[in-house]
């Protein structure tokens, strides 16, 4: 049984290094993909700034 990386799972339970990295990388990848898709299809700068504000919390 495998658990998908959650938003708060690694904060509550000790996780191996691989799970920690997958938890940290998965939101960033989806944020970048969302920003690219939103900029490509909707062409609005508000969408970009929203995604970058959301992504800043994961890296810092």
Protein backbone atom coordinates (compact mmCIF):
# COMPACT_ATOMS: atom_id res chain seq x y z
CA UNK A 1 0.00 0.00 0.00
CA UNK A 2 1.48 3.29 -1.10
CA UNK A 3 0.49 6.69 0.19
CA UNK A 4 0.46 9.65 -2.13
CA UNK A 5 2.55 12.58 -0.89
CA UNK A 6 0.25 14.95 0.95
CA UNK A 7 0.48 18.59 1.88
CA UNK A 8 1.16 17.91 5.56
CA UNK A 9 2.07 14.21 5.83
CA UNK A 10 5.84 14.77 6.10
CA UNK A 11 5.32 17.37 8.84
CA UNK A 12 3.43 14.90 11.05
CA UNK A 13 5.33 11.67 10.45
CA UNK A 14 9.04 10.93 9.98
CA UNK A 15 9.69 9.99 6.37
CA UNK A 16 12.68 8.52 4.52
CA UNK A 17 14.74 10.82 2.33
CA UNK A 18 13.05 9.76 -0.90
CA UNK A 19 9.57 10.43 0.46
CA UNK A 20 10.66 13.83 1.74
CA UNK A 21 12.05 14.81 -1.64
CA UNK A 22 8.98 13.56 -3.49
CA UNK A 23 6.80 15.51 -1.07
CA UNK A 24 8.81 18.68 -1.73
CA UNK A 25 9.14 18.25 -5.48
CA UNK A 26 5.59 17.23 -6.37
CA UNK A 27 3.89 20.54 -5.45
CA UNK A 28 6.63 22.53 -7.22
CA UNK A 29 6.26 20.55 -10.43
CA UNK A 30 2.49 21.02 -10.45
CA UNK A 31 2.87 24.73 -9.70
CA UNK A 32 5.28 25.22 -12.61
CA UNK A 33 3.09 23.17 -14.95
CA UNK A 34 0.03 25.14 -13.85
CA UNK A 35 1.79 28.46 -14.38
CA UNK A 36 2.96 27.43 -17.86
CA UNK A 37 -0.50 26.18 -18.84
CA UNK A 38 -2.22 29.26 -17.44
CA UNK A 39 0.20 31.62 -19.17
CA UNK A 40 0.01 29.74 -22.45
CA UNK A 41 -3.75 29.35 -22.66
CA UNK A 42 -5.08 32.34 -20.74
CA UNK A 43 -2.24 34.87 -21.15
CA UNK A 44 -2.88 36.74 -17.93
CA UNK A 45 -0.16 37.91 -15.57
CA UNK A 46 -2.43 37.53 -12.54
CA UNK A 47 -2.38 33.77 -12.94
CA UNK A 48 1.42 33.75 -13.03
CA UNK A 49 1.77 35.86 -9.89
CA UNK A 50 -0.75 33.68 -8.05
CA UNK A 51 1.14 30.49 -8.88
CA UNK A 52 4.50 31.98 -7.98
CA UNK A 53 3.15 33.17 -4.63
CA UNK A 54 1.85 29.65 -3.95
CA UNK A 55 5.16 28.09 -5.00
CA UNK A 56 7.30 30.37 -2.84
CA UNK A 57 6.13 28.69 0.35
CA UNK A 58 7.43 25.27 -0.68
CA UNK A 59 11.06 26.23 -1.36
CA UNK A 60 11.76 28.73 1.42
